[in-house]
Amino acid sequence: MIVAVADTHAVIWYLFSDQRLGKAASAFIDDTIAKGDHIGVSAISLAEMVYLVEKARIPANALNDLHAAIADPKSVLQHMPLDEAVSGISSSICSESNLYFAIIDPKFST
């Protein structure tokens, strides 16, 4: 079951074991793995990563690494299309700054 949708930067930081991910987000991911659940990666994150690779802001292999992770059924990351249901949920979050925290920490309260 997908229990959260990750922000693009959270996905990148997770893939590269970057400390910017933060302890709470790392613990959430570890807990998700332990429970056998998954974290969604939105189609918009894939598109954003193409842009970031093209601008040399992230390593060129980042997108390939993400595709490989999503393709692995044992991975915590799963592709999640950006559809009406997802956009409806995000519209209930009251501000853009809170959106980031709600995506990386679903227990965040606005």
N, C-alpha and C. Protein backbone atom coordinates (compact mmCIF):
# COMPACT_ATOMS: atom_id res chain seq x y z
N MET A 1 0.85 -1.18 0.00
CA MET A 1 0.00 0.00 0.00
C MET A 1 0.89 1.24 0.00
N ILE A 2 0.52 2.23 -0.77
CA ILE A 2 1.23 3.52 -0.78
C ILE A 2 0.73 4.33 0.40
N VAL A 3 1.64 4.70 1.30
CA VAL A 3 1.26 5.42 2.51
C VAL A 3 1.59 6.91 2.47
N ALA A 4 2.36 7.32 1.46
CA ALA A 4 2.73 8.73 1.32
C ALA A 4 3.21 8.96 -0.10
N VAL A 5 3.24 10.22 -0.51
CA VAL A 5 3.81 10.61 -1.79
C VAL A 5 5.01 11.49 -1.48
N ALA A 6 6.15 11.14 -2.04
CA ALA A 6 7.39 11.86 -1.73
C ALA A 6 7.57 13.10 -2.59
N ASP A 7 8.10 14.12 -2.01
CA ASP A 7 8.56 15.31 -2.71
C ASP A 7 9.76 14.93 -3.57
N THR A 8 9.95 15.61 -4.68
CA THR A 8 11.06 15.30 -5.59
C THR A 8 12.40 15.29 -4.87
N HIS A 9 12.65 16.32 -4.07
CA HIS A 9 13.94 16.38 -3.38
C HIS A 9 14.09 15.25 -2.37
N ALA A 10 13.02 14.87 -1.73
CA ALA A 10 13.09 13.75 -0.78
C ALA A 10 13.47 12.47 -1.50
N VAL A 11 12.94 12.27 -2.70
CA VAL A 11 13.29 11.09 -3.49
C VAL A 11 14.78 11.11 -3.85
N ILE A 12 15.25 12.25 -4.33
CA ILE A 12 16.66 12.38 -4.71
C ILE A 12 17.55 12.14 -3.50
N TRP A 13 17.22 12.78 -2.40
CA TRP A 13 18.04 12.62 -1.19
C TRP A 13 18.02 11.18 -0.70
N TYR A 14 16.88 10.51 -0.78
CA TYR A 14 16.80 9.11 -0.38
C TYR A 14 17.68 8.24 -1.29
N LEU A 15 17.57 8.43 -2.60
CA LEU A 15 18.34 7.62 -3.55
C LEU A 15 19.84 7.75 -3.33
N PHE A 16 20.29 8.94 -2.96
CA PHE A 16 21.72 9.19 -2.80
C PHE A 16 22.16 9.25 -1.34
N SER A 17 21.31 8.77 -0.43
CA SER A 17 21.63 8.75 1.00
C SER A 17 22.15 10.10 1.48
N ASP A 18 21.51 11.16 1.04
CA ASP A 18 21.91 12.52 1.37
C ASP A 18 21.33 12.90 2.74
N GLN A 19 22.16 13.46 3.59
CA GLN A 19 21.73 13.81 4.95
C GLN A 19 20.68 14.91 4.98
N ARG A 20 20.48 15.61 3.89
CA ARG A 20 19.44 16.64 3.86
C ARG A 20 18.04 16.04 3.98
N LEU A 21 17.92 14.74 3.77
CA LEU A 21 16.61 14.10 3.91
C LEU A 21 16.05 14.30 5.30
N GLY A 22 16.87 14.29 6.30
CA GLY A 22 16.43 14.53 7.67
C GLY A 22 16.08 13.25 8.39
N LYS A 23 16.21 13.32 9.70
CA LYS A 23 15.99 12.13 10.53
C LYS A 23 14.55 11.66 10.53
N ALA A 24 13.61 12.58 10.59
CA ALA A 24 12.19 12.19 10.63
C ALA A 24 11.78 11.51 9.33
N ALA A 25 12.20 12.08 8.20
CA ALA A 25 11.86 11.48 6.91
C ALA A 25 12.55 10.13 6.75
N SER A 26 13.81 10.03 7.16
CA SER A 26 14.52 8.75 7.08
C SER A 26 13.85 7.69 7.94
N ALA A 27 13.44 8.09 9.13
CA ALA A 27 12.75 7.14 10.02
C ALA A 27 11.42 6.71 9.42
N PHE A 28 10.71 7.64 8.80
CA PHE A 28 9.44 7.31 8.16
C PHE A 28 9.65 6.30 7.03
N ILE A 29 10.67 6.53 6.22
CA ILE A 29 10.97 5.61 5.12
C ILE A 29 11.36 4.24 5.67
N ASP A 30 12.21 4.21 6.69
CA ASP A 30 12.61 2.94 7.30
C ASP A 30 11.40 2.19 7.85
N ASP A 31 10.50 2.92 8.49
CA ASP A 31 9.28 2.31 9.04
C ASP A 31 8.38 1.78 7.92
N THR A 32 8.30 2.52 6.83
CA THR A 32 7.50 2.10 5.67
C THR A 32 8.06 0.81 5.09
N ILE A 33 9.39 0.74 4.97
CA ILE A 33 10.04 -0.48 4.48
C ILE A 33 9.75 -1.65 5.41
N ALA A 34 9.90 -1.42 6.72
CA ALA A 34 9.69 -2.49 7.71
C ALA A 34 8.26 -3.04 7.65
N LYS A 35 7.30 -2.18 7.35
CA LYS A 35 5.90 -2.61 7.28
C LYS A 35 5.54 -3.21 5.92
N GLY A 36 6.47 -3.15 4.96
CA GLY A 36 6.19 -3.67 3.63
C GLY A 36 5.32 -2.76 2.79
N ASP A 37 5.21 -1.49 3.20
CA ASP A 37 4.41 -0.53 2.46
C ASP A 37 5.31 0.21 1.45
N HIS A 38 4.71 1.17 0.75
CA HIS A 38 5.44 1.88 -0.29
C HIS A 38 5.20 3.38 -0.18
N ILE A 39 6.11 4.12 -0.81
CA ILE A 39 6.00 5.57 -0.92
C ILE A 39 5.88 5.88 -2.41
N GLY A 40 4.87 6.68 -2.74
CA GLY A 40 4.62 7.02 -4.13
C GLY A 40 5.58 8.08 -4.64
N VAL A 41 5.93 7.94 -5.90
CA VAL A 41 6.72 8.94 -6.61
C VAL A 41 5.84 9.45 -7.73
N SER A 42 5.47 10.69 -7.66
CA SER A 42 4.56 11.29 -8.63
C SER A 42 5.22 11.43 -10.00
N ALA A 43 4.40 11.33 -11.02
CA ALA A 43 4.88 11.55 -12.39
C ALA A 43 5.51 12.93 -12.53
N ILE A 44 5.03 13.90 -11.80
CA ILE A 44 5.60 15.25 -11.88
C ILE A 44 7.04 15.26 -11.34
N SER A 45 7.34 14.39 -10.38
CA SER A 45 8.72 14.30 -9.88
C SER A 45 9.65 13.77 -10.96
N LEU A 46 9.17 12.81 -11.74
CA LEU A 46 9.98 12.29 -12.85
C LEU A 46 10.27 13.41 -13.84
N ALA A 47 9.26 14.19 -14.18
CA ALA A 47 9.45 15.31 -15.10
C ALA A 47 10.40 16.35 -14.52
N GLU A 48 10.27 16.63 -13.24
CA GLU A 48 11.16 17.60 -12.61
C GLU A 48 12.60 17.10 -12.62
N MET A 49 12.78 15.80 -12.42
CA MET A 49 14.14 15.25 -12.43
C MET A 49 14.78 15.34 -13.81
N VAL A 50 14.00 15.19 -14.88
CA VAL A 50 14.53 15.38 -16.23
C VAL A 50 15.09 16.79 -16.35
N TYR A 51 14.33 17.76 -15.90
CA TYR A 51 14.77 19.16 -15.92
C TYR A 51 16.05 19.35 -15.10
N LEU A 52 16.08 18.78 -13.90
CA LEU A 52 17.24 18.95 -13.02
C LEU A 52 18.49 18.30 -13.60
N VAL A 53 18.34 17.16 -14.27
CA VAL A 53 19.48 16.52 -14.94
C VAL A 53 19.95 17.40 -16.09
N GLU A 54 19.00 17.88 -16.89
CA GLU A 54 19.36 18.73 -18.04
C GLU A 54 20.11 19.99 -17.61
N LYS A 55 19.76 20.53 -16.45
CA LYS A 55 20.41 21.74 -15.93
C LYS A 55 21.64 21.41 -15.08
N ALA A 56 22.00 20.12 -15.03
CA ALA A 56 23.16 19.64 -14.26
C ALA A 56 23.07 19.99 -12.78
N ARG A 57 21.86 19.99 -12.26
CA ARG A 57 21.65 20.29 -10.83
C ARG A 57 21.66 19.02 -9.99
N ILE A 58 21.45 17.87 -10.65
CA ILE A 58 21.55 16.57 -9.98
C ILE A 58 22.37 15.65 -10.89
N PRO A 59 22.95 14.58 -10.35
CA PRO A 59 23.76 13.68 -11.17
C PRO A 59 22.96 13.11 -12.35
N ALA A 60 23.65 12.91 -13.46
CA ALA A 60 23.01 12.42 -14.68
C ALA A 60 22.36 11.05 -14.48
N ASN A 61 22.89 10.26 -13.57
CA ASN A 61 22.34 8.92 -13.34
C ASN A 61 21.14 8.91 -12.40
N ALA A 62 20.76 10.05 -11.86
CA ALA A 62 19.67 10.09 -10.87
C ALA A 62 18.36 9.56 -11.44
N LEU A 63 18.01 9.98 -12.63
CA LEU A 63 16.75 9.54 -13.22
C LEU A 63 16.77 8.04 -13.51
N ASN A 64 17.90 7.55 -14.03
CA ASN A 64 18.01 6.10 -14.27
C ASN A 64 17.93 5.32 -12.97
N ASP A 65 18.56 5.84 -11.92
CA ASP A 65 18.50 5.18 -10.61
C ASP A 65 17.07 5.13 -10.09
N LEU A 66 16.33 6.22 -10.30
CA LEU A 66 14.95 6.25 -9.85
C LEU A 66 14.10 5.26 -10.65
N HIS A 67 14.28 5.23 -11.96
CA HIS A 67 13.53 4.27 -12.78
C HIS A 67 13.83 2.84 -12.35
N ALA A 68 15.09 2.55 -12.04
CA ALA A 68 15.47 1.21 -11.59
C ALA A 68 14.81 0.90 -10.25
N ALA A 69 14.78 1.88 -9.35
CA ALA A 69 14.17 1.67 -8.03
C ALA A 69 12.67 1.41 -8.18
N ILE A 70 12.01 2.20 -9.01
CA ILE A 70 10.57 2.03 -9.21
C ILE A 70 10.26 0.68 -9.84
N ALA A 71 11.13 0.22 -10.74
CA ALA A 71 10.91 -1.05 -11.43
C ALA A 71 11.13 -2.26 -10.51
N ASP A 72 11.86 -2.06 -9.43
CA ASP A 72 12.15 -3.15 -8.49
C ASP A 72 10.97 -3.34 -7.55
N PRO A 73 10.28 -4.49 -7.62
CA PRO A 73 9.11 -4.69 -6.76
C PRO A 73 9.43 -4.69 -5.26
N LYS A 74 10.70 -4.86 -4.92
CA LYS A 74 11.11 -4.84 -3.51
C LYS A 74 11.41 -3.43 -3.00
N SER A 75 11.45 -2.46 -3.92
CA SER A 75 11.77 -1.08 -3.54
C SER A 75 10.61 -0.44 -2.79
N VAL A 76 10.95 0.46 -1.89
CA VAL A 76 9.92 1.22 -1.17
C VAL A 76 9.23 2.22 -2.10
N LEU A 77 9.90 2.60 -3.17
CA LEU A 77 9.37 3.61 -4.09
C LEU A 77 8.52 2.97 -5.18
N GLN A 78 7.36 3.56 -5.43
CA GLN A 78 6.48 3.11 -6.51
C GLN A 78 5.97 4.32 -7.28
N HIS A 79 5.84 4.14 -8.59
CA HIS A 79 5.31 5.21 -9.43
C HIS A 79 3.86 5.48 -9.06
N MET A 80 3.52 6.74 -9.03
CA MET A 80 2.15 7.15 -8.73
C MET A 80 1.76 8.24 -9.71
N PRO A 81 0.81 7.94 -10.60
CA PRO A 81 0.42 8.96 -11.58
C PRO A 81 -0.21 10.17 -10.89
N LEU A 82 0.00 11.32 -11.48
CA LEU A 82 -0.63 12.54 -10.98
C LEU A 82 -2.01 12.61 -11.63
N ASP A 83 -3.02 12.20 -10.88
CA ASP A 83 -4.36 12.16 -11.42
C ASP A 83 -5.31 13.02 -10.59
N GLU A 84 -6.56 12.94 -10.90
CA GLU A 84 -7.55 13.77 -10.21
C GLU A 84 -7.59 13.51 -8.70
N ALA A 85 -7.47 12.26 -8.31
CA ALA A 85 -7.51 11.93 -6.88
C ALA A 85 -6.34 12.56 -6.13
N VAL A 86 -5.15 12.46 -6.71
CA VAL A 86 -3.97 13.04 -6.07
C VAL A 86 -4.08 14.55 -6.03
N SER A 87 -4.50 15.17 -7.12
CA SER A 87 -4.61 16.62 -7.11
C SER A 87 -5.70 17.09 -6.15
N GLY A 88 -6.74 16.30 -5.96
CA GLY A 88 -7.79 16.65 -5.01
C GLY A 88 -7.28 16.64 -3.58
N ILE A 89 -6.44 15.67 -3.26
CA ILE A 89 -5.86 15.61 -1.91
C ILE A 89 -4.95 16.81 -1.68
N SER A 90 -4.11 17.13 -2.69
CA SER A 90 -3.17 18.24 -2.50
C SER A 90 -3.89 19.57 -2.38
N SER A 91 -5.08 19.70 -2.96
CA SER A 91 -5.79 20.97 -2.86
C SER A 91 -6.34 21.22 -1.46
N SER A 92 -6.39 20.16 -0.64
CA SER A 92 -6.88 20.33 0.73
C SER A 92 -5.81 20.84 1.68
N ILE A 93 -4.57 20.90 1.21
CA ILE A 93 -3.47 21.42 2.02
C ILE A 93 -3.43 22.93 1.79
N CYS A 94 -3.40 23.68 2.88
CA CYS A 94 -3.72 25.11 2.78
C CYS A 94 -2.64 26.01 2.20
N SER A 95 -1.37 25.66 2.23
CA SER A 95 -0.37 26.56 1.68
C SER A 95 0.76 25.79 1.04
N GLU A 96 1.44 26.45 0.11
CA GLU A 96 2.54 25.79 -0.61
C GLU A 96 3.65 25.35 0.34
N SER A 97 3.99 26.17 1.34
CA SER A 97 5.05 25.78 2.26
C SER A 97 4.65 24.56 3.07
N ASN A 98 3.39 24.43 3.40
CA ASN A 98 2.93 23.26 4.14
C ASN A 98 2.87 22.03 3.25
N LEU A 99 2.70 22.21 1.94
CA LEU A 99 2.63 21.09 1.02
C LEU A 99 3.91 20.26 1.09
N TYR A 100 5.05 20.92 1.12
CA TYR A 100 6.34 20.22 1.18
C TYR A 100 6.38 19.32 2.41
N PHE A 101 6.03 19.85 3.57
CA PHE A 101 6.10 19.07 4.79
C PHE A 101 5.07 17.95 4.82
N ALA A 102 3.89 18.20 4.29
CA ALA A 102 2.85 17.18 4.27
C ALA A 102 3.24 16.01 3.38
N ILE A 103 3.95 16.29 2.31
CA ILE A 103 4.35 15.21 1.40
C ILE A 103 5.45 14.37 2.02
N ILE A 104 6.43 14.99 2.66
CA ILE A 104 7.51 14.18 3.22
C ILE A 104 7.19 13.64 4.60
N ASP A 105 6.19 14.18 5.25
CA ASP A 105 5.78 13.69 6.56
C ASP A 105 4.27 13.71 6.65
N PRO A 106 3.61 12.58 6.33
CA PRO A 106 2.16 12.57 6.28
C PRO A 106 1.48 12.82 7.63
N LYS A 107 2.25 12.82 8.72
CA LYS A 107 1.67 13.11 10.03
C LYS A 107 1.65 14.61 10.30
N PHE A 108 2.24 15.40 9.38
CA PHE A 108 2.29 16.84 9.51
C PHE A 108 0.87 17.40 9.50
N SER A 109 0.60 18.32 10.39
CA SER A 109 -0.73 18.92 10.46
C SER A 109 -0.68 20.37 10.04
N THR A 110 -1.57 20.76 9.14
CA THR A 110 -1.58 22.15 8.67
C THR A 110 -2.36 23.02 9.61
